[in-house]
Protein backbone atom coordinates (compact mmCIF):
# COMPACT_ATOMS: atom_id res chain seq x y z
CA MET A 1 -33.75 8.34 -13.26
CA PRO A 2 -31.50 7.25 -10.31
CA ASP A 3 -29.10 9.75 -8.85
CA ILE A 4 -25.39 8.73 -8.47
CA ARG A 5 -23.44 10.38 -5.65
CA PRO A 6 -20.54 9.56 -3.34
CA LEU A 7 -21.39 6.97 -0.78
CA ALA A 8 -21.56 8.52 2.70
CA GLU A 9 -20.91 7.00 6.11
CA PRO A 10 -24.58 7.04 7.12
CA ASP A 11 -25.29 4.89 4.01
CA LEU A 12 -23.09 2.04 5.17
CA PRO A 13 -25.56 -0.10 7.13
CA GLN A 14 -28.06 -0.04 4.30
CA ALA A 15 -25.35 -0.52 1.65
CA ARG A 16 -24.21 -3.68 3.39
CA LYS A 17 -27.78 -4.99 3.67
CA ILE A 18 -28.32 -4.41 -0.05
CA PHE A 19 -25.01 -6.10 -0.78
CA GLN A 20 -26.00 -9.23 1.17
CA LEU A 21 -29.52 -9.29 -0.23
CA ALA A 22 -28.44 -8.75 -3.82
CA PHE A 23 -25.66 -11.41 -3.87
CA GLY A 24 -27.72 -13.87 -1.76
CA THR A 25 -30.63 -13.54 -4.12
CA PHE A 26 -28.51 -13.96 -7.26
CA LEU A 27 -26.67 -16.99 -5.88
CA GLY A 28 -29.84 -18.60 -4.65
CA ALA A 29 -29.10 -18.50 -0.91
CA PRO A 30 -32.04 -19.78 1.24
CA ASP A 31 -31.88 -16.67 3.40
CA PRO A 32 -30.52 -13.85 1.24
CA GLU A 33 -30.77 -11.14 3.90
CA ASN A 34 -28.28 -13.04 6.07
CA PHE A 35 -25.93 -14.04 3.26
CA TRP A 36 -22.21 -13.48 3.87
CA THR A 37 -22.66 -12.08 7.33
CA ASP A 38 -19.22 -13.56 8.18
CA ARG A 39 -17.38 -11.05 6.00
CA ASP A 40 -17.50 -7.43 4.91
CA LEU A 41 -16.84 -5.81 1.51
CA VAL A 42 -18.42 -2.42 2.37
CA TYR A 43 -17.13 -0.89 5.67
CA GLY A 44 -13.56 -2.04 5.08
CA ARG A 45 -13.29 -0.38 1.68
CA PHE A 46 -15.24 2.83 2.43
CA GLY A 47 -12.96 5.84 2.91
CA ALA A 48 -9.74 3.89 2.28
CA GLU A 49 -6.98 6.00 0.62
CA HIS A 50 -7.12 3.95 -2.62
CA THR A 51 -10.89 3.57 -3.05
CA ALA A 52 -13.83 5.56 -4.26
CA ALA A 53 -17.38 4.62 -3.29
CA PHE A 54 -20.57 5.46 -5.15
CA ALA A 55 -24.20 5.38 -4.08
CA ALA A 56 -27.30 5.13 -6.27
CA GLU A 57 -30.48 6.76 -4.99
CA HIS A 58 -33.98 5.93 -6.20
CA ASP A 59 -37.00 7.84 -4.92
CA GLY A 60 -34.86 9.23 -2.11
CA ALA A 61 -33.68 5.88 -0.79
CA LEU A 62 -30.41 4.07 -1.23
CA ALA A 63 -30.77 1.59 -4.11
CA GLY A 64 -27.19 0.29 -4.57
CA SER A 65 -23.48 0.95 -4.43
CA ASN A 66 -20.23 0.31 -6.15
CA PHE A 67 -16.51 0.60 -5.20
CA ALA A 68 -13.60 1.52 -7.36
CA THR A 69 -10.15 0.40 -6.17
CA ARG A 70 -6.80 1.76 -7.34
CA TRP A 71 -3.67 -0.39 -7.21
CA GLY A 72 -1.36 2.18 -8.82
CA SER A 73 -1.73 1.91 -12.56
CA VAL A 74 -4.31 -0.89 -12.21
CA GLY A 75 -7.91 -0.37 -11.14
CA PHE A 76 -10.92 -2.66 -10.64
CA PHE A 77 -14.49 -2.05 -9.49
CA GLY A 78 -16.95 -3.99 -7.43
CA PRO A 79 -18.90 -5.26 -5.73
CA VAL A 80 -21.73 -3.67 -7.69
CA SER A 81 -24.82 -4.36 -5.63
CA ILE A 82 -28.35 -3.19 -6.39
CA HIS A 83 -31.55 -3.98 -4.49
CA PRO A 84 -33.24 -6.88 -6.30
CA ASP A 85 -36.47 -4.91 -6.61
CA LEU A 86 -34.59 -2.52 -8.90
CA TRP A 87 -32.69 -4.95 -11.09
CA ASP A 88 -32.84 -4.18 -14.80
CA SER A 89 -33.70 -0.53 -14.08
CA GLY A 90 -30.48 1.01 -15.48
CA ILE A 91 -28.91 1.58 -12.05
CA GLY A 92 -26.08 -0.86 -12.73
CA GLN A 93 -25.01 1.06 -15.83
CA ARG A 94 -24.94 4.33 -13.92
CA LEU A 95 -22.81 2.84 -11.14
CA VAL A 96 -20.36 1.26 -13.65
CA ALA A 97 -20.12 4.54 -15.54
CA ALA A 98 -19.22 6.36 -12.24
CA ALA A 99 -16.36 3.90 -11.57
CA CYS A 100 -15.04 4.20 -15.13
CA GLU A 101 -15.00 7.97 -14.86
CA GLU A 102 -13.01 7.64 -11.66
CA PHE A 103 -10.51 5.34 -13.46
CA ASP A 104 -10.08 7.99 -16.15
CA GLY A 105 -9.45 10.66 -13.55
CA TRP A 106 -6.86 8.42 -11.81
CA GLY A 107 -5.08 7.72 -15.11
CA ILE A 108 -5.57 3.97 -14.78
CA ARG A 109 -3.74 2.06 -17.53
CA HIS A 110 -5.36 -1.34 -16.97
CA ALA A 111 -8.86 -1.69 -15.51
CA GLY A 112 -10.84 -4.77 -14.69
CA LEU A 113 -13.50 -6.59 -12.69
CA PHE A 114 -14.57 -10.06 -11.54
CA THR A 115 -17.98 -11.31 -12.58
CA PHE A 116 -20.05 -14.47 -13.04
CA PRO A 117 -19.01 -16.39 -16.16
CA HIS A 118 -22.46 -17.95 -16.57
CA SER A 119 -24.29 -14.63 -16.55
CA ALA A 120 -24.64 -13.25 -20.07
CA LYS A 121 -26.36 -10.22 -18.58
CA HIS A 122 -23.36 -9.22 -16.47
CA VAL A 123 -20.76 -9.89 -19.22
CA GLY A 124 -22.94 -7.90 -21.65
CA LEU A 125 -23.32 -4.95 -19.28
CA TYR A 126 -19.61 -4.61 -18.66
CA GLY A 127 -18.87 -5.14 -22.36
CA LYS A 128 -20.75 -1.90 -23.06
CA PHE A 129 -17.96 -0.13 -21.20
CA GLY A 130 -15.11 -1.76 -23.13
CA PHE A 131 -14.36 -4.59 -20.78
CA HIS A 132 -13.43 -7.93 -22.38
CA PRO A 133 -13.79 -11.36 -20.72
CA ARG A 134 -10.47 -13.19 -20.51
CA PHE A 135 -9.44 -16.10 -18.25
CA LEU A 136 -11.24 -17.55 -15.26
CA THR A 137 -10.08 -16.71 -11.77
CA ALA A 138 -10.34 -19.64 -9.36
CA ILE A 139 -10.95 -18.81 -5.68
CA MET A 140 -9.18 -21.75 -4.04
CA ALA A 141 -8.86 -23.05 -0.50
CA ALA A 142 -6.58 -25.48 1.34
CA PRO A 143 -5.94 -26.37 4.98
CA ALA A 144 -3.36 -24.15 6.62
CA ARG A 145 -0.06 -25.79 7.23
CA LEU A 146 2.07 -24.54 10.15
CA GLY A 147 5.78 -24.15 10.64
CA ALA A 148 7.21 -24.48 7.08
CA ALA A 149 8.10 -20.95 6.09
CA PRO A 150 11.69 -19.67 6.24
CA GLY A 151 12.63 -16.01 6.14
CA PHE A 152 9.12 -14.76 6.87
CA SER A 153 8.11 -11.73 8.89
CA ARG A 154 4.97 -9.65 9.51
CA HIS A 155 4.42 -6.05 8.40
CA SER A 156 2.52 -5.21 11.59
CA GLU A 157 5.47 -6.12 13.81
CA LEU A 158 7.88 -3.63 12.15
CA PRO A 159 8.65 -0.19 13.46
CA GLN A 160 6.90 2.61 11.58
CA GLY A 161 9.98 3.67 9.60
CA GLN A 162 10.66 0.08 8.49
CA ARG A 163 7.04 -0.40 7.49
CA ARG A 164 7.41 2.46 5.01
CA GLU A 165 10.63 0.98 3.67
CA VAL A 166 8.92 -2.37 3.20
CA GLU A 167 5.96 -0.71 1.39
CA THR A 168 8.44 0.83 -1.02
CA ALA A 169 10.02 -2.58 -1.56
CA THR A 170 6.66 -4.13 -2.36
CA SER A 171 6.08 -1.44 -4.97
CA ASP A 172 9.49 -2.12 -6.47
CA LEU A 173 8.59 -5.81 -6.71
CA THR A 174 5.13 -5.23 -8.32
CA GLU A 175 6.71 -2.79 -10.80
CA GLN A 176 8.40 -5.92 -12.23
CA LEU A 177 4.97 -7.57 -12.73
CA TYR A 178 3.26 -4.63 -14.41
CA GLY A 179 4.45 -1.06 -14.78
CA GLY A 180 2.96 1.12 -12.06
CA LEU A 181 1.22 -1.70 -10.13
CA ASP A 182 1.33 -0.65 -6.48
CA LEU A 183 -0.17 -2.44 -3.47
CA ALA A 184 1.26 -0.22 -0.74
CA PRO A 185 -2.08 1.54 -0.04
CA GLU A 186 -3.74 -1.89 0.33
CA ILE A 187 -1.05 -2.90 2.86
CA ARG A 188 -1.56 0.29 4.80
CA THR A 189 -5.32 -0.11 4.84
CA VAL A 190 -5.13 -3.70 6.21
CA PHE A 191 -2.79 -2.46 8.92
CA ALA A 192 -4.75 0.66 9.85
CA ARG A 193 -8.10 -1.07 9.96
CA LYS A 194 -6.82 -4.25 11.64
CA LEU A 195 -8.24 -6.44 8.87
CA GLY A 196 -5.30 -8.89 9.05
CA ASP A 197 -1.58 -8.56 8.20
CA THR A 198 0.94 -8.75 5.38
CA ALA A 199 3.39 -11.64 5.24
CA LEU A 200 6.86 -10.66 4.01
CA LEU A 201 9.21 -13.17 2.46
CA TRP A 202 12.93 -12.47 2.36
CA ASP A 203 15.95 -13.57 0.42
CA GLY A 204 18.67 -13.17 3.07
CA ASP A 205 18.25 -10.21 5.42
CA SER A 206 17.22 -7.41 3.15
CA ARG A 207 15.94 -8.43 -0.29
CA LEU A 208 12.13 -8.80 -0.57
CA ALA A 209 11.28 -12.11 -2.27
CA GLY A 210 7.52 -11.82 -1.99
CA PHE A 211 4.59 -10.67 0.04
CA ALA A 212 1.01 -11.64 0.71
CA ILE A 213 -1.73 -9.21 1.99
CA CYS A 214 -3.99 -11.38 4.18
CA HIS A 215 -7.39 -10.81 5.75
CA TRP A 216 -9.17 -12.63 8.54
CA GLY A 217 -12.03 -12.06 10.95
CA PRO A 218 -15.63 -10.90 10.50
CA ALA A 219 -14.64 -7.24 9.76
CA SER A 220 -12.52 -8.43 6.86
CA GLU A 221 -13.27 -9.88 3.43
CA ALA A 222 -12.15 -13.41 4.44
CA GLY A 223 -15.20 -15.36 5.61
CA GLU A 224 -15.36 -17.56 8.65
CA GLY A 225 -12.35 -19.78 9.29
CA SER A 226 -10.25 -18.42 6.44
CA CYS A 227 -7.07 -16.47 6.04
CA PHE A 228 -7.80 -14.74 2.70
CA VAL A 229 -4.97 -13.62 0.45
CA LYS A 230 -6.28 -10.50 -1.23
CA PHE A 231 -3.02 -10.08 -3.10
CA GLY A 232 0.22 -12.02 -3.10
CA ALA A 233 3.24 -12.13 -5.38
CA VAL A 234 6.82 -13.17 -5.61
CA ARG A 235 9.69 -11.61 -7.52
CA PRO A 236 9.67 -12.87 -11.11
CA GLY A 237 12.54 -14.66 -12.73
CA PRO A 238 14.63 -17.76 -11.94
CA GLY A 239 13.56 -19.39 -8.70
CA SER A 240 10.09 -17.80 -8.66
CA ASP A 241 8.41 -21.18 -8.27
CA ASP A 242 10.40 -21.90 -5.13
CA ARG A 243 9.64 -18.42 -3.82
CA PHE A 244 5.94 -19.04 -4.49
CA ALA A 245 6.05 -22.24 -2.49
CA ALA A 246 7.67 -20.38 0.39
CA LEU A 247 5.08 -17.64 0.21
CA LEU A 248 2.27 -20.17 0.45
CA ASP A 249 4.00 -21.63 3.48
CA ALA A 250 4.14 -18.14 4.98
CA CYS A 251 0.41 -17.73 4.44
CA GLY A 252 -0.19 -21.05 6.19
CA ASP A 253 1.85 -19.93 9.12
CA LEU A 254 0.03 -16.63 9.30
CA ALA A 255 -3.36 -18.37 9.13
CA ALA A 256 -2.41 -20.76 11.92
CA ALA A 257 -1.14 -17.90 14.08
CA ALA A 258 -4.49 -16.16 13.59
CA GLY A 259 -6.40 -19.33 14.41
CA MET A 260 -7.65 -19.73 10.90
CA PRO A 261 -7.82 -23.36 9.66
CA ASN A 262 -7.85 -22.53 5.95
CA VAL A 263 -6.05 -20.44 3.41
CA LEU A 264 -8.23 -18.84 0.71
CA ALA A 265 -6.71 -17.24 -2.42
CA GLY A 266 -7.59 -16.35 -5.98
CA VAL A 267 -5.45 -17.19 -8.96
CA ASN A 268 -6.10 -16.26 -12.59
CA LEU A 269 -5.80 -19.31 -14.79
CA ALA A 270 -3.71 -17.36 -17.27
CA ARG A 271 -0.94 -17.70 -14.63
CA GLU A 272 -0.85 -21.34 -15.49
CA GLU A 273 2.25 -22.25 -13.45
CA ALA A 274 0.89 -20.69 -10.30
CA TYR A 275 -2.48 -22.48 -10.78
CA ARG A 276 -0.80 -25.85 -11.29
CA HIS A 277 1.32 -25.26 -8.27
CA MET A 278 -1.69 -24.57 -6.06
CA LEU A 279 -3.44 -27.73 -7.32
CA GLY A 280 -0.34 -29.67 -6.42
CA ARG A 281 -0.38 -28.18 -2.98
CA GLY A 282 -3.97 -29.38 -2.35
CA PHE A 283 -5.81 -26.18 -3.10
CA ARG A 284 -9.25 -26.78 -4.57
CA THR A 285 -11.56 -24.29 -6.23
CA GLN A 286 -14.50 -23.04 -4.11
CA ILE A 287 -15.99 -20.63 -6.68
CA GLN A 288 -14.77 -19.22 -9.94
CA GLY A 289 -15.42 -16.10 -11.96
CA VAL A 290 -14.18 -14.50 -15.11
CA THR A 291 -12.04 -11.41 -15.06
CA MET A 292 -12.90 -8.74 -17.65
CA HIS A 293 -10.15 -6.35 -18.72
CA ARG A 294 -9.97 -2.93 -20.38
CA PRO A 295 -8.06 -2.82 -22.66
CA ASN A 296 -8.21 -6.43 -23.86
CA GLU A 297 -4.69 -7.25 -22.64
CA PRO A 298 -3.38 -9.60 -19.95
CA GLY A 299 -1.92 -6.98 -17.59
CA TYR A 300 -0.15 -9.02 -14.94
CA SER A 301 -2.25 -12.11 -15.66
CA ARG A 302 0.13 -14.00 -17.88
CA PRO A 303 2.26 -17.18 -17.77
CA GLY A 304 5.43 -17.07 -15.71
CA LEU A 305 4.07 -14.78 -13.02
CA PHE A 306 3.31 -16.21 -9.61
CA VAL A 307 0.61 -13.89 -8.36
CA LEU A 308 -2.49 -14.31 -6.21
CA ASP A 309 -5.35 -11.82 -6.31
CA ASP A 310 -9.04 -11.33 -6.16
CA TRP A 311 -10.91 -8.55 -7.96
CA ARG A 312 -14.23 -9.21 -6.24
């Protein structure tokens, strides 16, 4: 029986190797051990204020890991990665159970995950824990366009006191999308770990119209050549489609400033207006997955909301 414990810092090199090997093997990469070496989903999440990390041990050696992330009242887990030699051994269930227990302790109201829609095994596993498959999430990319964004600033360039004020403003905005949704810890983590920056879109001088938490570089989750929008949203209501267009422009400006030729972002297809807008802007799907939700409710993935996110 595998042992589940908190992931520790000395585990990280092996945890990343298992992550690359597991996903490279599943996705049929020709060299699984060197799959996704241009990005990181292990070191950047470990020890962050809004994450919990779990390790699975088998015969005294690290066998896999999982990460639970808290965005206020919303939580998601992943990536779940297990050494291929130990697939179908029950380790995945133990790692999912650990994340679900953490969600319960956090008081999460809406929990979810991103998985492969063609894998009946994955959908079945998560279904045992009450997660229901809903809409696809498309991970889309388009060339970055420079110089089009009005009223745009960067979180990293603000004085410390103003950064805190802005983080509160982002929480006020996401409260309008789903009660208790809060991305401020994600913004702080990106800033503290130098994973990228957060683009801030303004109506006038003081009212936040939208924001986008962006990653780039090999220490981030972006991948080579990409400015990756881990989460982005605009204030809902009249004019939200125009605000969304401006936010995408801001992401393009941020990408160009960072030397990244592409913008990469996920959009749940339940947010049909946002998806159609991205298609019209030249975004094309690179990969897609299905989001699974507990309870079987849309959360903030519903028509009329212009939100970008990625629960991988």
